[in-house]
Amino acid sequence: MPEAVGPQAVGPRAVVWDFGNVIVRWNPRTLYQKIFPDPAECDRFLAHVCTMDWHMAHDRGESFEDNIAVLIARHPDHAPAIRAWRERWWEMFSGAIPETEAAIEALDVRGVPQFGLSNIHQDTVEGTYAMSPAFGRLKDAIISGRERLTKPDPAIFRLAAERFGYAPRDLLFVDDSAKNIEAARELGFDVHHFTDPASLRPALEARGLL
């Protein structure tokens, strides 16, 4: 379904931000291309060993240590590379996204309430916040690892609306995942699928937020 654009009689009154690849850039390949210089070998490792399905357990709050131990038992030949998922976690990041930082600052100046909703392990939250002052503009955030719920489960979106104190229609949800965007849209959130940083400000302006 195409995203609504243009002036609206009634629009969102607050913004809910995803973190990874919306506020800060995160990609396991940023780390693992150092460990596996051969691109094909790197691809195989991320497709068959440290997969995103495996990583989702961290987003649900499972400890890195326990989840890594289980994977090493299955792939003992890759033990050092698997351990690097936690030991070198911060090397998966490549800085904040300037367009998002600028938008968050501009919304803050306008007095628009802003919140976070992220699939993220509870032990990595503070380190992530330290990557950008933009995180300090968020009034509250739903952290999946603390709640033991992950996007795109509808329950985490309902929790966000309840905790932030807004009806879904009053919230603009910004995320890079199409599945998360569709889940939020089905619950009545306004949504912006973040695929191009340059499209962010026009989307906010179209809704009268900037």
C-alpha atoms as a PDB file:
ATOM      1  CA  MET A   1       0.000   0.000   0.000  1.00  0.00           C
ATOM      2  CA  PRO A   2       1.532   3.384  -0.941  1.00  0.00           C
ATOM      3  CA  GLU A   3       2.305   5.793   1.835  1.00  0.00           C
ATOM      4  CA  ALA A   4      -0.044   8.754   2.156  1.00  0.00           C
ATOM      5  CA  VAL A   5       1.487  12.091   1.215  1.00  0.00           C
ATOM      6  CA  GLY A   6       0.312  15.668   1.005  1.00  0.00           C
ATOM      7  CA  PRO A   7      -1.606  17.862   3.433  1.00  0.00           C
ATOM      8  CA  GLN A   8      -3.858  16.108   5.911  1.00  0.00           C
ATOM      9  CA  ALA A   9      -6.815  17.484   7.833  1.00  0.00           C
ATOM     10  CA  VAL A  10      -5.767  15.393  10.806  1.00  0.00           C
ATOM     11  CA  GLY A  11      -2.215  14.136  11.128  1.00  0.00           C
ATOM     12  CA  PRO A  12       0.105  12.565  13.668  1.00  0.00           C
ATOM     13  CA  ARG A  13       1.040  14.563  16.742  1.00  0.00           C
ATOM     14  CA  ALA A  14       4.155  12.616  17.801  1.00  0.00           C
ATOM     15  CA  VAL A  15       6.913  10.537  16.192  1.00  0.00           C
ATOM     16  CA  VAL A  16       8.154   7.079  17.147  1.00  0.00           C
ATOM     17  CA  TRP A  17      11.643   6.196  15.912  1.00  0.00           C
ATOM     18  CA  ASP A  18      13.291   2.862  15.272  1.00  0.00           C
ATOM     19  CA  PHE A  19      17.009   2.968  16.180  1.00  0.00           C
ATOM     20  CA  GLY A  20      19.094   0.733  13.891  1.00  0.00           C
ATOM     21  CA  ASN A  21      19.411   2.016  10.319  1.00  0.00           C
ATOM     22  CA  VAL A  22      17.106   4.927  11.126  1.00  0.00           C
ATOM     23  CA  ILE A  23      19.054   6.906  13.753  1.00  0.00           C
ATOM     24  CA  VAL A  24      22.346   4.950  13.661  1.00  0.00           C
ATOM     25  CA  ARG A  25      23.722   2.650  10.986  1.00  0.00           C
ATOM     26  CA  TRP A  26      24.020  -1.013  12.033  1.00  0.00           C
ATOM     27  CA  ASN A  27      25.121  -3.895   9.836  1.00  0.00           C
ATOM     28  CA  PRO A  28      26.870  -7.115  10.950  1.00  0.00           C
ATOM     29  CA  ARG A  29      28.755  -7.083   7.657  1.00  0.00           C
ATOM     30  CA  THR A  30      30.620  -3.969   8.806  1.00  0.00           C
ATOM     31  CA  LEU A  31      32.339  -6.210  11.360  1.00  0.00           C
ATOM     32  CA  TYR A  32      32.420  -9.541   9.566  1.00  0.00           C
ATOM     33  CA  GLN A  33      33.988  -8.284   6.365  1.00  0.00           C
ATOM     34  CA  LYS A  34      37.061  -7.711   8.559  1.00  0.00           C
ATOM     35  CA  ILE A  35      36.939 -11.278   9.867  1.00  0.00           C
ATOM     36  CA  PHE A  36      36.150 -12.841   6.447  1.00  0.00           C
ATOM     37  CA  PRO A  37      37.916 -10.805   3.735  1.00  0.00           C
ATOM     38  CA  ASP A  38      36.460 -13.148   1.088  1.00  0.00           C
ATOM     39  CA  PRO A  39      32.955 -11.719   0.402  1.00  0.00           C
ATOM     40  CA  ALA A  40      31.545 -15.156  -0.437  1.00  0.00           C
ATOM     41  CA  GLU A  41      32.803 -16.584   2.863  1.00  0.00           C
ATOM     42  CA  CYS A  42      31.347 -13.616   4.723  1.00  0.00           C
ATOM     43  CA  ASP A  43      28.015 -14.164   2.980  1.00  0.00           C
ATOM     44  CA  ARG A  44      27.968 -17.853   3.919  1.00  0.00           C
ATOM     45  CA  PHE A  45      28.726 -17.116   7.568  1.00  0.00           C
ATOM     46  CA  LEU A  46      25.973 -14.517   7.915  1.00  0.00           C
ATOM     47  CA  ALA A  47      23.485 -16.637   5.956  1.00  0.00           C
ATOM     48  CA  HIS A  48      24.098 -19.940   7.768  1.00  0.00           C
ATOM     49  CA  VAL A  49      25.794 -19.294  11.136  1.00  0.00           C
ATOM     50  CA  CYS A  50      25.193 -15.875  12.727  1.00  0.00           C
ATOM     51  CA  THR A  51      21.856 -15.326  11.035  1.00  0.00           C
ATOM     52  CA  MET A  52      19.317 -12.616  11.778  1.00  0.00           C
ATOM     53  CA  ASP A  53      16.870 -15.287  12.963  1.00  0.00           C
ATOM     54  CA  TRP A  54      19.472 -16.386  15.518  1.00  0.00           C
ATOM     55  CA  HIS A  55      20.127 -12.786  16.538  1.00  0.00           C
ATOM     56  CA  MET A  56      16.417 -12.149  17.191  1.00  0.00           C
ATOM     57  CA  ALA A  57      16.808 -14.086  20.453  1.00  0.00           C
ATOM     58  CA  HIS A  58      19.013 -11.228  21.704  1.00  0.00           C
ATOM     59  CA  ASP A  59      16.319  -8.726  20.749  1.00  0.00           C
ATOM     60  CA  ARG A  60      13.877 -10.783  22.843  1.00  0.00           C
ATOM     61  CA  GLY A  61      16.192 -10.410  25.834  1.00  0.00           C
ATOM     62  CA  GLU A  62      18.122 -13.696  25.810  1.00  0.00           C
ATOM     63  CA  SER A  63      21.682 -13.253  27.032  1.00  0.00           C
ATOM     64  CA  PHE A  64      24.445 -13.006  24.458  1.00  0.00           C
ATOM     65  CA  GLU A  65      26.438 -15.564  26.415  1.00  0.00           C
ATOM     66  CA  ASP A  66      23.744 -18.250  26.384  1.00  0.00           C
ATOM     67  CA  ASN A  67      22.752 -17.720  22.775  1.00  0.00           C
ATOM     68  CA  ILE A  68      26.372 -17.705  21.614  1.00  0.00           C
ATOM     69  CA  ALA A  69      27.139 -20.894  23.555  1.00  0.00           C
ATOM     70  CA  VAL A  70      24.285 -22.713  21.808  1.00  0.00           C
ATOM     71  CA  LEU A  71      25.521 -21.591  18.393  1.00  0.00           C
ATOM     72  CA  ILE A  72      29.131 -22.549  19.113  1.00  0.00           C
ATOM     73  CA  ALA A  73      27.958 -26.028  20.056  1.00  0.00           C
ATOM     74  CA  ARG A  74      26.458 -26.304  16.563  1.00  0.00           C
ATOM     75  CA  HIS A  75      29.375 -24.659  14.747  1.00  0.00           C
ATOM     76  CA  PRO A  76      32.524 -25.214  16.852  1.00  0.00           C
ATOM     77  CA  ASP A  77      34.754 -24.480  13.857  1.00  0.00           C
ATOM     78  CA  HIS A  78      33.426 -20.909  13.859  1.00  0.00           C
ATOM     79  CA  ALA A  79      33.746 -20.296  17.598  1.00  0.00           C
ATOM     80  CA  PRO A  80      35.993 -17.177  17.440  1.00  0.00           C
ATOM     81  CA  ALA A  81      33.826 -15.524  14.786  1.00  0.00           C
ATOM     82  CA  ILE A  82      30.639 -16.291  16.718  1.00  0.00           C
ATOM     83  CA  ARG A  83      32.101 -14.837  19.923  1.00  0.00           C
ATOM     84  CA  ALA A  84      32.949 -11.690  17.983  1.00  0.00           C
ATOM     85  CA  TRP A  85      29.216 -10.977  17.709  1.00  0.00           C
ATOM     86  CA  ARG A  86      29.347  -9.807  21.325  1.00  0.00           C
ATOM     87  CA  GLU A  87      33.026  -9.098  21.867  1.00  0.00           C
ATOM     88  CA  ARG A  88      33.178  -6.779  18.830  1.00  0.00           C
ATOM     89  CA  TRP A  89      29.518  -5.733  18.782  1.00  0.00           C
ATOM     90  CA  TRP A  90      30.249  -2.034  18.433  1.00  0.00           C
ATOM     91  CA  GLU A  91      32.211  -2.606  15.235  1.00  0.00           C
ATOM     92  CA  MET A  92      28.886  -3.371  13.528  1.00  0.00           C
ATOM     93  CA  PHE A  93      27.974   0.317  13.771  1.00  0.00           C
ATOM     94  CA  SER A  94      29.145   3.027  11.383  1.00  0.00           C
ATOM     95  CA  GLY A  95      27.849   6.204  12.970  1.00  0.00           C
ATOM     96  CA  ALA A  96      24.668   8.217  13.130  1.00  0.00           C
ATOM     97  CA  ILE A  97      22.532   9.183  10.115  1.00  0.00           C
ATOM     98  CA  PRO A  98      22.820  12.982   9.771  1.00  0.00           C
ATOM     99  CA  GLU A  99      19.428  13.485   8.103  1.00  0.00           C
ATOM    100  CA  THR A 100      17.670  11.749  10.992  1.00  0.00           C
ATOM    101  CA  GLU A 101      19.651  13.633  13.606  1.00  0.00           C
ATOM    102  CA  ALA A 102      18.723  16.914  11.929  1.00  0.00           C
ATOM    103  CA  ALA A 103      15.052  15.934  11.765  1.00  0.00           C
ATOM    104  CA  ILE A 104      14.956  14.942  15.425  1.00  0.00           C
ATOM    105  CA  GLU A 105      16.552  18.240  16.431  1.00  0.00           C
ATOM    106  CA  ALA A 106      14.115  20.216  14.274  1.00  0.00           C
ATOM    107  CA  LEU A 107      11.123  18.346  15.708  1.00  0.00           C
ATOM    108  CA  ASP A 108      12.410  19.006  19.205  1.00  0.00           C
ATOM    109  CA  VAL A 109      12.591  22.741  18.482  1.00  0.00           C
ATOM    110  CA  ARG A 110       8.980  22.570  17.237  1.00  0.00           C
ATOM    111  CA  GLY A 111       7.950  20.850  20.477  1.00  0.00           C
ATOM    112  CA  VAL A 112       6.854  17.623  18.773  1.00  0.00           C
ATOM    113  CA  PRO A 113       6.971  14.707  21.253  1.00  0.00           C
ATOM    114  CA  GLN A 114       9.349  11.939  20.146  1.00  0.00           C
ATOM    115  CA  PHE A 115       9.754   8.356  21.324  1.00  0.00           C
ATOM    116  CA  GLY A 116      11.721   5.221  20.481  1.00  0.00           C
ATOM    117  CA  LEU A 117      10.639   1.674  19.610  1.00  0.00           C
ATOM    118  CA  SER A 118      13.565  -0.616  18.914  1.00  0.00           C
ATOM    119  CA  ASN A 119      14.416  -4.288  18.646  1.00  0.00           C
ATOM    120  CA  ILE A 120      17.557  -4.136  20.784  1.00  0.00           C
ATOM    121  CA  HIS A 121      19.152  -6.071  23.624  1.00  0.00           C
ATOM    122  CA  GLN A 122      18.862  -4.363  26.977  1.00  0.00           C
ATOM    123  CA  ASP A 123      22.625  -4.511  27.602  1.00  0.00           C
ATOM    124  CA  THR A 124      23.448  -2.494  24.488  1.00  0.00           C
ATOM    125  CA  VAL A 125      20.984   0.366  24.936  1.00  0.00           C
ATOM    126  CA  GLU A 126      23.213   2.822  26.795  1.00  0.00           C
ATOM    127  CA  GLY A 127      26.095   2.333  24.382  1.00  0.00           C
ATOM    128  CA  THR A 128      23.742   2.966  21.480  1.00  0.00           C
ATOM    129  CA  TYR A 129      22.405   6.132  23.103  1.00  0.00           C
ATOM    130  CA  ALA A 130      25.978   7.396  23.404  1.00  0.00           C
ATOM    131  CA  MET A 131      26.340   7.399  19.613  1.00  0.00           C
ATOM    132  CA  SER A 132      24.146  10.429  19.031  1.00  0.00           C
ATOM    133  CA  PRO A 133      22.728  13.366  21.013  1.00  0.00           C
ATOM    134  CA  ALA A 134      19.498  12.767  19.093  1.00  0.00           C
ATOM    135  CA  PHE A 135      18.624   9.963  21.509  1.00  0.00           C
ATOM    136  CA  GLY A 136      18.481  12.544  24.270  1.00  0.00           C
ATOM    137  CA  ARG A 137      15.506  14.187  22.546  1.00  0.00           C
ATOM    138  CA  LEU A 138      13.330  11.079  23.007  1.00  0.00           C
ATOM    139  CA  LYS A 139      10.880  11.308  25.882  1.00  0.00           C
ATOM    140  CA  ASP A 140      10.687   7.520  26.342  1.00  0.00           C
ATOM    141  CA  ALA A 141      11.512   4.319  24.478  1.00  0.00           C
ATOM    142  CA  ILE A 142      10.220   0.761  24.270  1.00  0.00           C
ATOM    143  CA  ILE A 143      13.226  -1.603  24.336  1.00  0.00           C
ATOM    144  CA  SER A 144      12.364  -5.072  23.048  1.00  0.00           C
ATOM    145  CA  GLY A 145      14.872  -6.889  25.250  1.00  0.00           C
ATOM    146  CA  ARG A 146      13.343  -5.395  28.388  1.00  0.00           C
ATOM    147  CA  GLU A 147       9.780  -6.140  27.318  1.00  0.00           C
ATOM    148  CA  ARG A 148      10.486  -9.618  25.893  1.00  0.00           C
ATOM    149  CA  LEU A 149       8.521  -8.544  22.830  1.00  0.00           C
ATOM    150  CA  THR A 150       9.858  -7.762  19.372  1.00  0.00           C
ATOM    151  CA  LYS A 151       8.581  -6.023  16.279  1.00  0.00           C
ATOM    152  CA  PRO A 152       6.564  -6.925  14.238  1.00  0.00           C
ATOM    153  CA  ASP A 153       4.495  -8.516  17.034  1.00  0.00           C
ATOM    154  CA  PRO A 154       1.356  -6.328  17.294  1.00  0.00           C
ATOM    155  CA  ALA A 155       1.636  -6.505  21.098  1.00  0.00           C
ATOM    156  CA  ILE A 156       4.729  -4.293  21.155  1.00  0.00           C
ATOM    157  CA  PHE A 157       3.005  -1.614  19.068  1.00  0.00           C
ATOM    158  CA  ARG A 158      -0.021  -1.677  21.353  1.00  0.00           C
ATOM    159  CA  LEU A 159       2.308  -1.359  24.332  1.00  0.00           C
ATOM    160  CA  ALA A 160       4.058   1.621  22.729  1.00  0.00           C
ATOM    161  CA  ALA A 161       0.806   3.487  22.102  1.00  0.00           C
ATOM    162  CA  GLU A 162      -0.407   2.786  25.646  1.00  0.00           C
ATOM    163  CA  ARG A 163       2.842   3.776  27.343  1.00  0.00           C
ATOM    164  CA  PHE A 164       3.413   6.877  25.242  1.00  0.00           C
ATOM    165  CA  GLY A 165      -0.182   7.960  25.824  1.00  0.00           C
ATOM    166  CA  TYR A 166      -1.387   8.361  22.229  1.00  0.00           C
ATOM    167  CA  ALA A 167      -3.851   6.637  19.947  1.00  0.00           C
ATOM    168  CA  PRO A 168      -2.028   4.856  17.091  1.00  0.00           C
ATOM    169  CA  ARG A 169      -3.458   7.330  14.561  1.00  0.00           C
ATOM    170  CA  ASP A 170      -1.687  10.136  16.424  1.00  0.00           C
ATOM    171  CA  LEU A 171       1.731   8.492  16.074  1.00  0.00           C
ATOM    172  CA  LEU A 172       4.036   8.507  13.055  1.00  0.00           C
ATOM    173  CA  PHE A 173       6.199   5.378  13.186  1.00  0.00           C
ATOM    174  CA  VAL A 174       9.513   5.462  11.296  1.00  0.00           C
ATOM    175  CA  ASP A 175      11.291   2.146  10.626  1.00  0.00           C
ATOM    176  CA  ASP A 176      13.522   0.604   7.967  1.00  0.00           C
ATOM    177  CA  SER A 177      11.759  -2.796   8.036  1.00  0.00           C
ATOM    178  CA  ALA A 178       8.832  -3.314   5.681  1.00  0.00           C
ATOM    179  CA  LYS A 179       7.385  -6.007   7.985  1.00  0.00           C
ATOM    180  CA  ASN A 180       7.448  -3.645  10.952  1.00  0.00           C
ATOM    181  CA  ILE A 181       5.896  -0.866   8.913  1.00  0.00           C
ATOM    182  CA  GLU A 182       3.025  -3.086   7.764  1.00  0.00           C
ATOM    183  CA  ALA A 183       2.376  -4.353  11.288  1.00  0.00           C
ATOM    184  CA  ALA A 184       2.142  -0.786  12.589  1.00  0.00           C
ATOM    185  CA  ARG A 185      -0.015   0.343   9.666  1.00  0.00           C
ATOM    186  CA  GLU A 186      -2.495  -2.469  10.298  1.00  0.00           C
ATOM    187  CA  LEU A 187      -2.907  -1.228  13.886  1.00  0.00           C
ATOM    188  CA  GLY A 188      -3.679   2.293  12.734  1.00  0.00           C
ATOM    189  CA  PHE A 189      -0.299   4.021  13.039  1.00  0.00           C
ATOM    190  CA  ASP A 190       0.765   6.517  10.433  1.00  0.00           C
ATOM    191  CA  VAL A 191       4.023   5.159   8.996  1.00  0.00           C
ATOM    192  CA  HIS A 192       7.095   6.157   7.061  1.00  0.00           C
ATOM    193  CA  HIS A 193       9.235   3.365   5.595  1.00  0.00           C
ATOM    194  CA  PHE A 194      12.781   4.665   5.999  1.00  0.00           C
ATOM    195  CA  THR A 195      14.687   3.603   2.885  1.00  0.00           C
ATOM    196  CA  ASP A 196      16.282   6.891   1.796  1.00  0.00           C
ATOM    197  CA  PRO A 197      17.420   9.479   4.369  1.00  0.00           C
ATOM    198  CA  ALA A 198      16.655  12.273   1.900  1.00  0.00           C
ATOM    199  CA  SER A 199      12.947  11.373   1.925  1.00  0.00           C
ATOM    200  CA  LEU A 200      12.584  11.782   5.691  1.00  0.00           C
ATOM    201  CA  ARG A 201      12.175  15.546   5.999  1.00  0.00           C
ATOM    202  CA  PRO A 202       9.652  15.776   3.120  1.00  0.00           C
ATOM    203  CA  ALA A 203       7.605  13.041   4.815  1.00  0.00           C
ATOM    204  CA  LEU A 204       7.591  15.017   8.073  1.00  0.00           C
ATOM    205  CA  GLU A 205       6.738  18.251   6.271  1.00  0.00           C
ATOM    206  CA  ALA A 206       3.867  16.565   4.388  1.00  0.00           C
ATOM    207  CA  ARG A 207       2.311  15.693   7.724  1.00  0.00           C
ATOM    208  CA  GLY A 208       2.719  19.190   9.125  1.00  0.00           C
ATOM    209  CA  LEU A 209       5.249  18.080  11.723  1.00  0.00           C
ATOM    210  CA  LEU A 210       7.951  20.334  10.266  1.00  0.00           C
END
